[in-house]
Protein backbone atom coordinates (compact mmCIF):
# COMPACT_ATOMS: atom_id res chain seq x y z
CA MET A 1 99.66 64.64 98.48
CA ARG A 2 100.74 67.68 96.46
CA GLN A 3 99.98 70.10 99.28
CA ARG A 4 101.75 67.83 101.76
CA SER A 5 104.88 67.74 99.59
CA ARG A 6 104.86 71.52 99.19
CA ARG A 7 104.57 71.97 102.94
CA ARG A 8 107.45 69.56 103.56
CA ILE A 9 109.63 71.46 101.09
CA MET A 10 108.84 74.84 102.64
CA ARG A 11 109.36 73.56 106.19
CA ALA A 12 112.72 72.05 105.21
CA THR A 13 113.73 75.36 103.59
CA VAL A 14 113.07 77.35 106.76
CA GLU A 15 114.86 74.79 108.94
CA LEU A 16 117.98 74.75 106.77
CA VAL A 17 118.20 78.48 106.19
CA ASP A 18 117.80 78.98 109.94
CA GLN A 19 120.85 76.76 110.43
CA ARG A 20 123.07 77.55 107.43
CA GLY A 21 121.83 80.75 105.85
CA TYR A 22 120.43 81.18 102.35
CA ALA A 23 123.77 80.96 100.50
CA GLY A 24 124.74 77.87 102.47
CA THR A 25 121.55 76.00 101.59
CA THR A 26 121.16 74.23 98.26
CA LEU A 27 118.09 72.80 96.59
CA THR A 28 119.63 69.35 96.97
CA ASP A 29 119.94 69.96 100.72
CA ILE A 30 116.30 70.96 100.88
CA ALA A 31 115.16 67.91 98.92
CA GLU A 32 117.13 65.61 101.21
CA ARG A 33 115.73 67.26 104.36
CA ALA A 34 112.20 67.02 102.96
CA GLY A 35 112.71 63.38 101.96
CA LEU A 36 111.73 64.06 98.35
CA ALA A 37 113.34 63.71 94.95
CA ARG A 38 115.33 66.77 93.81
CA GLY A 39 113.20 67.06 90.67
CA LEU A 40 110.05 67.64 92.70
CA LEU A 41 111.39 70.96 93.93
CA SER A 42 111.57 72.27 90.37
CA TYR A 43 108.08 70.92 89.74
CA TYR A 44 106.57 72.81 92.67
CA PHE A 45 108.76 75.93 92.79
CA ASP A 46 110.37 77.98 90.04
CA GLY A 47 113.82 78.29 91.59
CA LYS A 48 115.40 78.75 94.98
CA ARG A 49 114.50 82.44 95.33
CA LEU A 50 110.77 81.88 94.87
CA LEU A 51 110.90 78.85 97.14
CA MET A 52 112.55 80.96 99.83
CA GLN A 53 109.85 83.62 99.61
CA SER A 54 107.03 81.07 99.72
CA ALA A 55 108.64 79.29 102.67
CA THR A 56 109.00 82.55 104.58
CA HIS A 57 105.41 83.57 103.84
CA ARG A 58 104.25 80.17 105.09
CA MET A 59 106.26 80.59 108.30
CA MET A 60 104.74 84.04 108.84
CA HIS A 61 101.22 82.89 108.01
CA GLN A 62 101.39 79.87 110.30
CA SER A 63 103.01 81.79 113.16
CA LEU A 64 100.33 84.48 112.96
CA ALA A 65 97.45 82.00 112.77
CA ASP A 66 98.83 80.02 115.74
CA ALA A 67 99.37 83.16 117.84
CA LEU A 68 95.83 84.38 117.23
CA ALA A 69 94.39 80.93 117.99
CA GLU A 70 96.01 81.09 121.45
CA LEU A 71 93.94 84.14 122.42
CA PRO A 72 90.72 83.65 124.40
CA SER A 73 87.52 83.63 122.41
CA GLY A 74 86.06 87.12 122.15
CA SER A 75 89.39 88.95 122.49
CA SER A 76 89.10 92.59 121.47
CA PRO A 77 90.23 93.82 118.03
CA ASP A 78 92.99 95.81 119.76
CA THR A 79 94.24 92.67 121.51
CA ARG A 80 94.26 90.69 118.28
CA LEU A 81 96.02 93.39 116.27
CA ALA A 82 98.62 93.83 119.02
CA ARG A 83 99.32 90.09 119.03
CA ALA A 84 99.68 90.12 115.25
CA ILE A 85 102.20 92.97 115.28
CA ASP A 86 104.24 91.31 118.03
CA THR A 87 104.19 87.97 116.23
CA VAL A 88 105.55 89.32 112.95
CA LEU A 89 108.19 91.49 114.62
CA GLY A 90 109.14 88.57 116.84
CA LEU A 91 110.04 86.47 113.81
CA ALA A 92 112.99 88.79 113.20
CA LEU A 93 114.37 87.73 116.58
CA ASP A 94 113.35 84.07 116.42
CA HIS A 95 114.40 83.43 112.79
CA PRO A 96 116.94 86.15 111.92
CA ARG A 97 118.63 84.26 109.08
CA VAL A 98 115.33 83.45 107.41
CA MET A 99 113.99 86.99 107.71
CA ARG A 100 117.27 88.59 106.58
CA SER A 101 117.35 86.32 103.54
CA HIS A 102 113.73 87.04 102.69
CA LEU A 103 114.14 90.80 102.95
CA ALA A 104 117.40 90.78 101.00
CA LEU A 105 115.79 88.86 98.15
CA ILE A 106 112.76 91.11 97.78
CA LEU A 107 114.88 94.28 98.05
CA ASP A 108 117.50 93.24 95.48
CA PRO A 109 116.81 95.44 92.40
CA ASP A 110 118.25 92.83 90.04
CA THR A 111 116.42 89.75 91.28
CA GLY A 112 113.91 91.06 93.76
CA ALA A 113 110.16 91.02 93.40
CA PHE A 114 107.34 90.81 95.90
CA VAL A 115 105.68 87.46 95.27
CA GLN A 116 101.97 87.22 96.09
CA ASP A 117 101.84 83.44 96.40
CA PRO A 118 99.02 81.55 98.18
CA GLU A 119 100.85 81.71 101.51
CA GLN A 120 101.32 85.47 101.23
CA GLN A 121 97.66 85.87 100.28
CA GLN A 122 96.56 83.96 103.38
CA LEU A 123 98.84 86.12 105.53
CA GLY A 124 97.40 89.26 103.92
CA ALA A 125 93.83 88.06 104.41
CA ILE A 126 94.39 87.58 108.14
CA LEU A 127 95.90 91.05 108.55
CA GLN A 128 93.16 92.68 106.49
CA ARG A 129 90.50 90.98 108.61
CA LEU A 130 92.20 92.19 111.78
CA LEU A 131 92.37 95.74 110.43
CA HIS A 132 88.71 95.60 109.39
CA ASP A 133 87.69 94.52 112.90
CA TRP A 134 89.95 97.20 114.39
CA GLY A 135 88.04 99.83 112.39
CA ALA A 136 90.29 100.73 109.46
CA PRO A 137 88.20 102.62 106.85
CA ASP A 138 90.05 100.85 104.03
CA PRO A 139 91.54 97.58 105.32
CA ILE A 140 93.22 96.78 101.99
CA ALA A 141 95.08 100.09 101.83
CA GLU A 142 95.88 99.98 105.53
CA HIS A 143 97.23 96.47 105.12
CA ALA A 144 99.77 97.76 102.59
CA VAL A 145 100.87 100.40 105.13
CA LEU A 146 101.06 97.89 107.99
CA ARG A 147 102.95 95.37 105.86
CA SER A 148 105.54 98.00 104.95
CA ALA A 149 105.85 99.13 108.56
CA LEU A 150 106.33 95.57 109.79
CA MET A 151 108.98 94.82 107.17
CA GLY A 152 110.71 98.10 107.97
CA GLY A 153 110.62 97.18 111.65
CA CYS A 154 112.21 93.81 110.89
CA ILE A 155 114.95 95.55 108.91
CA GLY A 156 115.63 97.84 111.87
CA VAL A 157 116.03 94.87 114.20
CA LEU A 158 118.19 92.90 111.74
CA LEU A 159 120.37 95.54 110.06
CA PRO A 160 123.96 94.31 110.61
CA GLY A 161 126.04 96.82 112.54
CA ALA A 162 123.14 99.23 113.03
CA GLU A 163 120.52 97.12 114.78
CA ILE A 164 118.07 98.86 117.09
CA SER A 165 116.08 97.25 119.86
CA LEU A 166 112.56 96.03 119.31
CA ALA A 167 110.95 98.33 121.90
CA PRO A 168 111.04 101.68 120.01
CA ILE A 169 109.95 100.01 116.77
CA ARG A 170 107.02 98.40 118.53
CA ALA A 171 106.18 101.66 120.32
CA ASP A 172 105.86 103.54 117.03
CA LEU A 173 103.58 100.89 115.56
CA PHE A 174 101.43 100.73 118.67
CA ARG A 175 101.07 104.53 118.64
CA ARG A 176 99.93 104.43 115.02
CA TYR A 177 97.12 102.04 115.90
CA ASP A 178 96.42 103.51 119.35
CA LEU A 179 97.19 100.22 121.07
CA ALA A 180 97.99 99.96 124.76
CA TRP A 181 101.58 98.92 125.43
CA GLU A 182 100.56 96.08 127.74
CA LEU A 183 98.65 94.29 124.97
CA GLY A 184 100.28 91.52 122.96
CA ARG A 185 103.70 90.48 124.19
CA PRO A 186 105.57 93.59 125.36
CA PRO A 187 109.37 93.36 125.18
CA GLN A 188 109.69 95.41 128.37
CA PRO A 189 107.33 96.56 131.17
CA SER A 190 106.71 100.07 129.84
CA PRO A 191 107.15 101.85 126.50
CA PRO A 192 110.43 103.65 125.86
CA GLU A 193 110.52 107.41 126.17
CA ARG A 194 110.38 109.19 122.85
CA GLU A 195 113.43 111.30 122.22
CA ARG A 196 112.53 114.94 121.65
CA PRO A 197 114.23 116.69 118.73
CA PRO A 198 116.79 119.32 119.80
CA ALA A 199 115.36 122.79 120.28
CA ARG A 200 116.01 125.27 117.50
CA ASP A 201 117.95 128.44 118.24
């Protein structure tokens, strides 16, 4: 029952922030959407900010697990890692308000903190397992690098007034892990050309 209530709260949080944004969503709104008493939110989550982070981590964890489950049995490590990268980057396009809110909260120097809640730990475990199968010498350290690269990629896609397309972000990540462009879910038929730096005089 407790886990079911937590899941309902986190699902309601994502749905409402998707529609109204973080500032436009109150804890009372979330409780009503989840069909639970307002006091239960405070029992399960220590404030709106931590609830938002847990809800986003759950969305990421579930999306990644579902995407990997769709792959045929015996898919190569490259195929699985490519699908994982595309899934996380794709959340920036599919749930921009949620991802913007999440990134803003963890980057705020006054209130921000990276919360390693159970949902985030499950997400990290999946990525570390993928990196281990791919052949990373130190999957834990490489996971920290990949996590930072994915969050940076989401910022690039979502940065108001300075957004860049998904293709070059994906291309850089795929080059890092030596993944073929056609793996995963490519945003376009072929990778974008890399711009060469101007020649020096």
